[in-house]
């Protein structure tokens, strides 16, 4: 469901930048207006407008990964030319931010929450525990976090600093934490709510397990997008109304990125 929100477009200065894993940087921007409104699951579009033409010509979506006072944190991993430029930002540099955008996770009265993060899907869960504490919602949170190997793992001490939790780490080659895929660590016994963010194959498996167990589940979907506000129609995904069975399409940027598992037509 789309909802009204005040969207801020502003040039924001990088206040701190640090390497936290292979090809991965943690950036904190001075973004008071966006930080004051942001919630876990929402995102910002990050670009450079007309300054210094080149990659990325179009802005990139990034999950809000922390709010610390007037600062907003982003987890940036260099995948291509555009994200490499974003990851190269240093303290004192500026980027054009648009946000907060999209929907957030809804915790309701859940007392035991399982968060499943794959790769940079960790970002909203660096934000969620402290946000929930401040809002007086949510309960016991267990965080599962998976990567391909130890080199890709976001600094565990930084995870604890940001969210106040010790993540249960899974690596596919067993070089750090548990060996296997992050979904191998899922145990839904006693869980009231499952939240997930990461690659689509991981989300599909989390969705399947949650639906089979009858546990409410919300998924933050990853899609390419050019605008973030529903104009380009580039992030349409197939959905279904769980009450009527009516099929259609939703836009990840304005109807999501967080969707109830039963709404996704996978």
C-alpha atoms as a PDB file:
ATOM      1  CA  UNK A   1       0.000   0.000   0.000  1.00  0.00           C
ATOM      2  CA  UNK A   2       1.382   3.391  -0.966  1.00  0.00           C
ATOM      3  CA  UNK A   3       1.598   6.000   1.724  1.00  0.00           C
ATOM      4  CA  UNK A   4       2.324   9.675   1.842  1.00  0.00           C
ATOM      5  CA  UNK A   5       5.748  10.758   3.018  1.00  0.00           C
ATOM      6  CA  UNK A   6       7.840  13.873   2.863  1.00  0.00           C
ATOM      7  CA  UNK A   7      10.706  13.281   0.487  1.00  0.00           C
ATOM      8  CA  UNK A   8      13.865  15.330   0.888  1.00  0.00           C
ATOM      9  CA  UNK A   9      16.349  16.013  -1.927  1.00  0.00           C
ATOM     10  CA  UNK A  10      19.612  17.448  -0.669  1.00  0.00           C
ATOM     11  CA  UNK A  11      23.348  17.496  -1.178  1.00  0.00           C
ATOM     12  CA  UNK A  12      24.767  15.759   1.897  1.00  0.00           C
ATOM     13  CA  UNK A  13      28.372  15.687   3.061  1.00  0.00           C
ATOM     14  CA  UNK A  14      30.161  12.500   4.032  1.00  0.00           C
ATOM     15  CA  UNK A  15      31.135  12.787   7.690  1.00  0.00           C
ATOM     16  CA  UNK A  16      33.014   9.496   7.953  1.00  0.00           C
ATOM     17  CA  UNK A  17      34.052   6.699   5.613  1.00  0.00           C
ATOM     18  CA  UNK A  18      35.648   3.381   6.509  1.00  0.00           C
ATOM     19  CA  UNK A  19      36.372   0.037   4.924  1.00  0.00           C
ATOM     20  CA  UNK A  20      34.406  -2.722   6.652  1.00  0.00           C
ATOM     21  CA  UNK A  21      34.901  -5.697   4.302  1.00  0.00           C
ATOM     22  CA  UNK A  22      36.212  -6.567   0.861  1.00  0.00           C
ATOM     23  CA  UNK A  23      34.843  -3.992  -1.616  1.00  0.00           C
ATOM     24  CA  UNK A  24      32.588  -2.687   1.162  1.00  0.00           C
ATOM     25  CA  UNK A  25      32.488   0.746   2.773  1.00  0.00           C
ATOM     26  CA  UNK A  26      30.522   2.276   5.625  1.00  0.00           C
ATOM     27  CA  UNK A  27      29.575   5.900   4.935  1.00  0.00           C
ATOM     28  CA  UNK A  28      27.870   8.331   7.287  1.00  0.00           C
ATOM     29  CA  UNK A  29      26.266  11.418   5.780  1.00  0.00           C
ATOM     30  CA  UNK A  30      25.144  14.625   7.435  1.00  0.00           C
ATOM     31  CA  UNK A  31      21.484  14.248   6.435  1.00  0.00           C
ATOM     32  CA  UNK A  32      19.355  15.593   9.296  1.00  0.00           C
ATOM     33  CA  UNK A  33      16.064  15.932   7.406  1.00  0.00           C
ATOM     34  CA  UNK A  34      16.219  12.410   5.992  1.00  0.00           C
ATOM     35  CA  UNK A  35      17.514  10.876   9.216  1.00  0.00           C
ATOM     36  CA  UNK A  36      14.646  12.397  11.214  1.00  0.00           C
ATOM     37  CA  UNK A  37      12.072  10.486   9.137  1.00  0.00           C
ATOM     38  CA  UNK A  38      13.791   7.258   8.102  1.00  0.00           C
ATOM     39  CA  UNK A  39      12.702   3.820   9.277  1.00  0.00           C
ATOM     40  CA  UNK A  40      14.170   0.321   8.720  1.00  0.00           C
ATOM     41  CA  UNK A  41      13.376  -1.023   5.273  1.00  0.00           C
ATOM     42  CA  UNK A  42      13.286   2.383   3.634  1.00  0.00           C
ATOM     43  CA  UNK A  43      15.955   3.543   1.219  1.00  0.00           C
ATOM     44  CA  UNK A  44      17.530   6.592  -0.390  1.00  0.00           C
ATOM     45  CA  UNK A  45      18.598   7.241  -3.960  1.00  0.00           C
ATOM     46  CA  UNK A  46      22.253   8.290  -4.055  1.00  0.00           C
ATOM     47  CA  UNK A  47      23.801  10.090  -7.002  1.00  0.00           C
ATOM     48  CA  UNK A  48      25.644  13.159  -8.172  1.00  0.00           C
ATOM     49  CA  UNK A  49      23.075  15.114 -10.181  1.00  0.00           C
ATOM     50  CA  UNK A  50      24.808  17.294 -12.744  1.00  0.00           C
ATOM     51  CA  UNK A  51      28.107  17.433 -10.871  1.00  0.00           C
ATOM     52  CA  UNK A  52      30.956  15.583 -12.540  1.00  0.00           C
ATOM     53  CA  UNK A  53      29.128  13.767 -15.337  1.00  0.00           C
ATOM     54  CA  UNK A  54      29.983  10.097 -15.539  1.00  0.00           C
ATOM     55  CA  UNK A  55      29.081   6.953 -13.675  1.00  0.00           C
ATOM     56  CA  UNK A  56      26.682   6.676 -12.073  1.00  0.00           C
ATOM     57  CA  UNK A  57      24.661   8.786 -14.475  1.00  0.00           C
ATOM     58  CA  UNK A  58      21.516   7.629 -12.654  1.00  0.00           C
ATOM     59  CA  UNK A  59      21.309   7.455  -8.840  1.00  0.00           C
ATOM     60  CA  UNK A  60      21.528   4.151  -6.998  1.00  0.00           C
ATOM     61  CA  UNK A  61      19.109   2.864  -4.331  1.00  0.00           C
ATOM     62  CA  UNK A  62      20.649   2.099  -0.943  1.00  0.00           C
ATOM     63  CA  UNK A  63      18.916   0.931   2.238  1.00  0.00           C
ATOM     64  CA  UNK A  64      19.084   3.272   5.197  1.00  0.00           C
ATOM     65  CA  UNK A  65      21.457   1.344   7.453  1.00  0.00           C
ATOM     66  CA  UNK A  66      21.638   3.597  10.527  1.00  0.00           C
ATOM     67  CA  UNK A  67      20.499   6.854  12.019  1.00  0.00           C
ATOM     68  CA  UNK A  68      22.874   8.347  14.545  1.00  0.00           C
ATOM     69  CA  UNK A  69      21.631  11.760  15.522  1.00  0.00           C
ATOM     70  CA  UNK A  70      21.659  13.854  12.368  1.00  0.00           C
ATOM     71  CA  UNK A  71      23.819  11.328  10.556  1.00  0.00           C
ATOM     72  CA  UNK A  72      22.548   8.605   8.247  1.00  0.00           C
ATOM     73  CA  UNK A  73      24.626   5.511   7.563  1.00  0.00           C
ATOM     74  CA  UNK A  74      24.825   3.597   4.280  1.00  0.00           C
ATOM     75  CA  UNK A  75      26.480   0.267   3.527  1.00  0.00           C
ATOM     76  CA  UNK A  76      28.023   0.478   0.055  1.00  0.00           C
ATOM     77  CA  UNK A  77      29.472  -2.498  -1.806  1.00  0.00           C
ATOM     78  CA  UNK A  78      31.279  -1.985  -5.109  1.00  0.00           C
ATOM     79  CA  UNK A  79      29.659  -4.187  -7.746  1.00  0.00           C
ATOM     80  CA  UNK A  80      30.074  -2.086 -10.892  1.00  0.00           C
ATOM     81  CA  UNK A  81      31.425   1.238 -12.089  1.00  0.00           C
ATOM     82  CA  UNK A  82      28.665   3.282 -10.457  1.00  0.00           C
ATOM     83  CA  UNK A  83      28.814   1.638  -7.042  1.00  0.00           C
ATOM     84  CA  UNK A  84      32.624   1.828  -7.138  1.00  0.00           C
ATOM     85  CA  UNK A  85      32.335   5.592  -7.402  1.00  0.00           C
ATOM     86  CA  UNK A  86      29.953   5.683  -4.436  1.00  0.00           C
ATOM     87  CA  UNK A  87      32.267   3.408  -2.449  1.00  0.00           C
ATOM     88  CA  UNK A  88      35.205   5.721  -3.172  1.00  0.00           C
ATOM     89  CA  UNK A  89      33.637   8.705  -1.379  1.00  0.00           C
ATOM     90  CA  UNK A  90      35.726  10.142   1.438  1.00  0.00           C
ATOM     91  CA  UNK A  91      35.030  12.453   4.363  1.00  0.00           C
ATOM     92  CA  UNK A  92      34.252  15.911   3.012  1.00  0.00           C
ATOM     93  CA  UNK A  93      32.839  14.640  -0.294  1.00  0.00           C
ATOM     94  CA  UNK A  94      29.155  15.166  -1.053  1.00  0.00           C
ATOM     95  CA  UNK A  95      26.430  13.187  -2.815  1.00  0.00           C
ATOM     96  CA  UNK A  96      22.869  14.015  -3.822  1.00  0.00           C
ATOM     97  CA  UNK A  97      20.433  12.077  -1.641  1.00  0.00           C
ATOM     98  CA  UNK A  98      16.701  11.613  -2.191  1.00  0.00           C
ATOM     99  CA  UNK A  99      14.617  10.072   0.564  1.00  0.00           C
ATOM    100  CA  UNK A 100      13.470   8.476   2.685  1.00  0.00           C
ATOM    101  CA  UNK A 101      11.662   6.351   0.123  1.00  0.00           C
ATOM    102  CA  UNK A 102       9.491   3.260   0.196  1.00  0.00           C
ATOM    103  CA  UNK A 103       7.887   1.201   2.940  1.00  0.00           C
ATOM    104  CA  UNK A 104       9.307  -0.037   6.228  1.00  0.00           C
ATOM    105  CA  UNK A 105       9.206  -3.233   8.225  1.00  0.00           C
ATOM    106  CA  UNK A 106       6.143  -3.477  10.502  1.00  0.00           C
ATOM    107  CA  UNK A 107       6.892  -5.183  13.815  1.00  0.00           C
ATOM    108  CA  UNK A 108       3.453  -5.007  15.403  1.00  0.00           C
ATOM    109  CA  UNK A 109       3.342  -6.871  18.694  1.00  0.00           C
ATOM    110  CA  UNK A 110       5.851  -9.564  17.669  1.00  0.00           C
ATOM    111  CA  UNK A 111       7.937 -10.669  20.634  1.00  0.00           C
ATOM    112  CA  UNK A 112      10.388 -13.013  18.878  1.00  0.00           C
ATOM    113  CA  UNK A 113      11.704 -11.717  15.573  1.00  0.00           C
ATOM    114  CA  UNK A 114      14.042 -13.530  13.198  1.00  0.00           C
ATOM    115  CA  UNK A 115      16.024 -11.325  10.794  1.00  0.00           C
ATOM    116  CA  UNK A 116      17.687 -13.021   7.814  1.00  0.00           C
ATOM    117  CA  UNK A 117      20.295 -10.996   5.899  1.00  0.00           C
ATOM    118  CA  UNK A 118      22.222 -11.956   2.794  1.00  0.00           C
ATOM    119  CA  UNK A 119      25.166  -9.799   1.691  1.00  0.00           C
ATOM    120  CA  UNK A 120      24.333  -6.092   1.655  1.00  0.00           C
ATOM    121  CA  UNK A 121      20.857  -7.124   2.749  1.00  0.00           C
ATOM    122  CA  UNK A 122      22.393  -6.685   6.170  1.00  0.00           C
ATOM    123  CA  UNK A 123      21.851  -2.924   5.896  1.00  0.00           C
ATOM    124  CA  UNK A 124      18.294  -2.511   7.306  1.00  0.00           C
ATOM    125  CA  UNK A 125      19.077  -4.831  10.195  1.00  0.00           C
ATOM    126  CA  UNK A 126      21.957  -2.641  11.317  1.00  0.00           C
ATOM    127  CA  UNK A 127      19.257  -0.010  11.839  1.00  0.00           C
ATOM    128  CA  UNK A 128      16.246  -1.992  13.048  1.00  0.00           C
ATOM    129  CA  UNK A 129      17.136  -3.091  16.627  1.00  0.00           C
ATOM    130  CA  UNK A 130      17.954   0.359  17.996  1.00  0.00           C
ATOM    131  CA  UNK A 131      15.067   1.929  16.053  1.00  0.00           C
ATOM    132  CA  UNK A 132      12.656  -0.629  17.538  1.00  0.00           C
ATOM    133  CA  UNK A 133      14.016   0.048  21.004  1.00  0.00           C
ATOM    134  CA  UNK A 134      13.490   3.782  20.593  1.00  0.00           C
ATOM    135  CA  UNK A 135       9.954   3.249  19.294  1.00  0.00           C
ATOM    136  CA  UNK A 136       9.077   0.782  22.047  1.00  0.00           C
ATOM    137  CA  UNK A 137       8.133  -1.996  19.634  1.00  0.00           C
ATOM    138  CA  UNK A 138       9.499  -5.411  18.829  1.00  0.00           C
ATOM    139  CA  UNK A 139      11.011  -7.863  21.249  1.00  0.00           C
ATOM    140  CA  UNK A 140      13.820 -10.404  21.153  1.00  0.00           C
ATOM    141  CA  UNK A 141      15.675 -10.196  17.843  1.00  0.00           C
ATOM    142  CA  UNK A 142      17.883 -12.892  16.338  1.00  0.00           C
ATOM    143  CA  UNK A 143      20.046 -11.831  13.391  1.00  0.00           C
ATOM    144  CA  UNK A 144      21.330 -14.337  10.822  1.00  0.00           C
ATOM    145  CA  UNK A 145      23.845 -12.925   8.343  1.00  0.00           C
ATOM    146  CA  UNK A 146      25.343 -14.755   5.381  1.00  0.00           C
ATOM    147  CA  UNK A 147      28.198 -14.101   2.945  1.00  0.00           C
ATOM    148  CA  UNK A 148      30.206 -16.158   0.478  1.00  0.00           C
ATOM    149  CA  UNK A 149      33.409 -16.083   2.567  1.00  0.00           C
ATOM    150  CA  UNK A 150      35.159 -14.309   5.453  1.00  0.00           C
ATOM    151  CA  UNK A 151      36.560 -11.541   3.253  1.00  0.00           C
ATOM    152  CA  UNK A 152      33.047 -10.367   2.394  1.00  0.00           C
ATOM    153  CA  UNK A 153      31.765 -10.318   5.990  1.00  0.00           C
ATOM    154  CA  UNK A 154      30.961  -6.860   7.309  1.00  0.00           C
ATOM    155  CA  UNK A 155      33.146  -6.218  10.377  1.00  0.00           C
ATOM    156  CA  UNK A 156      31.358  -8.118  13.202  1.00  0.00           C
ATOM    157  CA  UNK A 157      32.448  -5.574  15.818  1.00  0.00           C
ATOM    158  CA  UNK A 158      30.919  -2.815  13.687  1.00  0.00           C
ATOM    159  CA  UNK A 159      27.682  -4.780  13.451  1.00  0.00           C
ATOM    160  CA  UNK A 160      27.508  -4.968  17.232  1.00  0.00           C
ATOM    161  CA  UNK A 161      28.360  -1.277  17.575  1.00  0.00           C
ATOM    162  CA  UNK A 162      25.606  -0.236  15.189  1.00  0.00           C
ATOM    163  CA  UNK A 163      22.736  -2.511  16.136  1.00  0.00           C
ATOM    164  CA  UNK A 164      23.650  -3.777  19.598  1.00  0.00           C
ATOM    165  CA  UNK A 165      23.371  -7.424  18.524  1.00  0.00           C
ATOM    166  CA  UNK A 166      25.891 -10.169  17.875  1.00  0.00           C
ATOM    167  CA  UNK A 167      25.088 -11.515  14.424  1.00  0.00           C
ATOM    168  CA  UNK A 168      25.074 -15.253  13.765  1.00  0.00           C
ATOM    169  CA  UNK A 169      27.396 -15.408  10.765  1.00  0.00           C
ATOM    170  CA  UNK A 170      27.232 -17.973   7.975  1.00  0.00           C
ATOM    171  CA  UNK A 171      29.759 -18.285   5.156  1.00  0.00           C
ATOM    172  CA  UNK A 172      29.366 -20.635   2.228  1.00  0.00           C
ATOM    173  CA  UNK A 173      32.946 -21.900   2.533  1.00  0.00           C
ATOM    174  CA  UNK A 174      33.015 -21.996   6.339  1.00  0.00           C
ATOM    175  CA  UNK A 175      35.884 -19.507   6.554  1.00  0.00           C
ATOM    176  CA  UNK A 176      34.067 -17.556   9.280  1.00  0.00           C
ATOM    177  CA  UNK A 177      31.222 -18.530  11.561  1.00  0.00           C
ATOM    178  CA  UNK A 178      28.995 -21.397  10.469  1.00  0.00           C
ATOM    179  CA  UNK A 179      29.512 -23.252   7.216  1.00  0.00           C
ATOM    180  CA  UNK A 180      26.640 -23.095   4.756  1.00  0.00           C
ATOM    181  CA  UNK A 181      24.046 -20.701   3.457  1.00  0.00           C
ATOM    182  CA  UNK A 182      22.356 -18.304   5.854  1.00  0.00           C
ATOM    183  CA  UNK A 183      19.035 -20.061   5.310  1.00  0.00           C
ATOM    184  CA  UNK A 184      20.565 -23.175   6.895  1.00  0.00           C
ATOM    185  CA  UNK A 185      20.357 -21.358  10.224  1.00  0.00           C
ATOM    186  CA  UNK A 186      16.627 -20.697  10.098  1.00  0.00           C
ATOM    187  CA  UNK A 187      14.663 -22.145  13.002  1.00  0.00           C
ATOM    188  CA  UNK A 188      11.082 -20.904  13.200  1.00  0.00           C
ATOM    189  CA  UNK A 189      10.150 -22.601  16.445  1.00  0.00           C
ATOM    190  CA  UNK A 190       8.594 -19.910  18.657  1.00  0.00           C
ATOM    191  CA  UNK A 191       9.211 -17.146  16.107  1.00  0.00           C
ATOM    192  CA  UNK A 192       6.428 -14.543  15.744  1.00  0.00           C
ATOM    193  CA  UNK A 193       7.785 -12.692  12.726  1.00  0.00           C
ATOM    194  CA  UNK A 194      10.393 -13.232  10.019  1.00  0.00           C
ATOM    195  CA  UNK A 195      12.081 -10.289   8.293  1.00  0.00           C
ATOM    196  CA  UNK A 196      14.480 -10.769   5.399  1.00  0.00           C
ATOM    197  CA  UNK A 197      16.585  -8.760   2.976  1.00  0.00           C
ATOM    198  CA  UNK A 198      19.040 -10.048   0.403  1.00  0.00           C
ATOM    199  CA  UNK A 199      19.325 -11.740  -2.996  1.00  0.00           C
ATOM    200  CA  UNK A 200      16.072 -12.945  -4.559  1.00  0.00           C
ATOM    201  CA  UNK A 201      16.912 -16.696  -4.379  1.00  0.00           C
ATOM    202  CA  UNK A 202      17.472 -16.320  -0.628  1.00  0.00           C
ATOM    203  CA  UNK A 203      14.226 -14.370  -0.217  1.00  0.00           C
ATOM    204  CA  UNK A 204      12.285 -17.041  -2.091  1.00  0.00           C
ATOM    205  CA  UNK A 205      13.579 -19.739   0.232  1.00  0.00           C
ATOM    206  CA  UNK A 206      12.864 -17.683   3.370  1.00  0.00           C
ATOM    207  CA  UNK A 207       9.366 -16.997   2.035  1.00  0.00           C
ATOM    208  CA  UNK A 208       8.726 -20.680   1.358  1.00  0.00           C
ATOM    209  CA  UNK A 209       9.823 -21.761   4.828  1.00  0.00           C
ATOM    210  CA  UNK A 210       7.805 -19.052   6.578  1.00  0.00           C
ATOM    211  CA  UNK A 211       4.625 -19.726   4.616  1.00  0.00           C
ATOM    212  CA  UNK A 212       4.898 -23.459   5.212  1.00  0.00           C
ATOM    213  CA  UNK A 213       5.328 -22.836   8.949  1.00  0.00           C
ATOM    214  CA  UNK A 214       2.515 -20.270   9.069  1.00  0.00           C
ATOM    215  CA  UNK A 215       4.825 -17.560  10.425  1.00  0.00           C
ATOM    216  CA  UNK A 216       4.222 -13.960   9.267  1.00  0.00           C
ATOM    217  CA  UNK A 217       7.040 -12.845   6.990  1.00  0.00           C
ATOM    218  CA  UNK A 218       8.076  -9.555   5.393  1.00  0.00           C
ATOM    219  CA  UNK A 219      10.636  -9.353   2.600  1.00  0.00           C
ATOM    220  CA  UNK A 220      12.615  -6.335   1.404  1.00  0.00           C
ATOM    221  CA  UNK A 221      12.891  -6.901  -2.339  1.00  0.00           C
ATOM    222  CA  UNK A 222      15.905  -5.875  -4.387  1.00  0.00           C
ATOM    223  CA  UNK A 223      15.275  -4.467  -7.876  1.00  0.00           C
ATOM    224  CA  UNK A 224      17.058  -2.131 -10.258  1.00  0.00           C
ATOM    225  CA  UNK A 225      15.459   1.308 -10.334  1.00  0.00           C
ATOM    226  CA  UNK A 226      16.240   4.644 -11.942  1.00  0.00           C
ATOM    227  CA  UNK A 227      14.061   7.117 -10.062  1.00  0.00           C
ATOM    228  CA  UNK A 228      12.846   5.683  -6.746  1.00  0.00           C
ATOM    229  CA  UNK A 229       9.507   7.503  -6.908  1.00  0.00           C
ATOM    230  CA  UNK A 230       7.371   5.477  -9.323  1.00  0.00           C
ATOM    231  CA  UNK A 231       8.028   7.474 -12.486  1.00  0.00           C
ATOM    232  CA  UNK A 232      10.212   5.144 -14.552  1.00  0.00           C
ATOM    233  CA  UNK A 233       8.170   1.961 -13.881  1.00  0.00           C
ATOM    234  CA  UNK A 234      11.449   0.051 -13.998  1.00  0.00           C
ATOM    235  CA  UNK A 235      11.001  -1.922 -10.792  1.00  0.00           C
ATOM    236  CA  UNK A 236       7.605  -3.579 -11.376  1.00  0.00           C
ATOM    237  CA  UNK A 237       7.164  -7.028  -9.828  1.00  0.00           C
ATOM    238  CA  UNK A 238       4.359  -9.578 -10.013  1.00  0.00           C
ATOM    239  CA  UNK A 239       2.036  -9.568  -7.004  1.00  0.00           C
ATOM    240  CA  UNK A 240      -1.238 -11.102  -5.872  1.00  0.00           C
ATOM    241  CA  UNK A 241      -3.942  -9.938  -3.477  1.00  0.00           C
ATOM    242  CA  UNK A 242      -3.936 -12.694  -0.823  1.00  0.00           C
ATOM    243  CA  UNK A 243      -7.613 -12.023  -0.025  1.00  0.00           C
ATOM    244  CA  UNK A 244      -9.092 -11.976  -3.531  1.00  0.00           C
ATOM    245  CA  UNK A 245      -6.454 -13.807  -5.551  1.00  0.00           C
ATOM    246  CA  UNK A 246      -6.363 -10.919  -8.010  1.00  0.00           C
ATOM    247  CA  UNK A 247      -3.010 -10.742  -9.782  1.00  0.00           C
ATOM    248  CA  UNK A 248      -1.206  -7.602 -10.840  1.00  0.00           C
ATOM    249  CA  UNK A 249       2.000  -5.619 -10.539  1.00  0.00           C
ATOM    250  CA  UNK A 250       3.459  -3.445  -7.803  1.00  0.00           C
ATOM    251  CA  UNK A 251       6.386  -1.050  -7.940  1.00  0.00           C
ATOM    252  CA  UNK A 252       9.186  -1.891  -5.536  1.00  0.00           C
ATOM    253  CA  UNK A 253      10.058   1.776  -5.014  1.00  0.00           C
ATOM    254  CA  UNK A 254       6.641   3.019  -3.856  1.00  0.00           C
ATOM    255  CA  UNK A 255       4.628  -0.115  -2.975  1.00  0.00           C
ATOM    256  CA  UNK A 256       7.692  -1.731  -1.373  1.00  0.00           C
ATOM    257  CA  UNK A 257      10.484  -2.460  -0.992  1.00  0.00           C
ATOM    258  CA  UNK A 258       9.021  -4.313   2.014  1.00  0.00           C
ATOM    259  CA  UNK A 259       6.217  -6.726   1.101  1.00  0.00           C
ATOM    260  CA  UNK A 260       4.282  -9.347   3.063  1.00  0.00           C
ATOM    261  CA  UNK A 261       5.469 -12.737   1.815  1.00  0.00           C
ATOM    262  CA  UNK A 262       2.002 -13.760   0.662  1.00  0.00           C
ATOM    263  CA  UNK A 263       1.733 -10.747  -1.662  1.00  0.00           C
ATOM    264  CA  UNK A 264       4.675 -11.735  -3.843  1.00  0.00           C
ATOM    265  CA  UNK A 265       3.784 -13.892  -6.862  1.00  0.00           C
ATOM    266  CA  UNK A 266       6.852 -16.133  -6.792  1.00  0.00           C
END
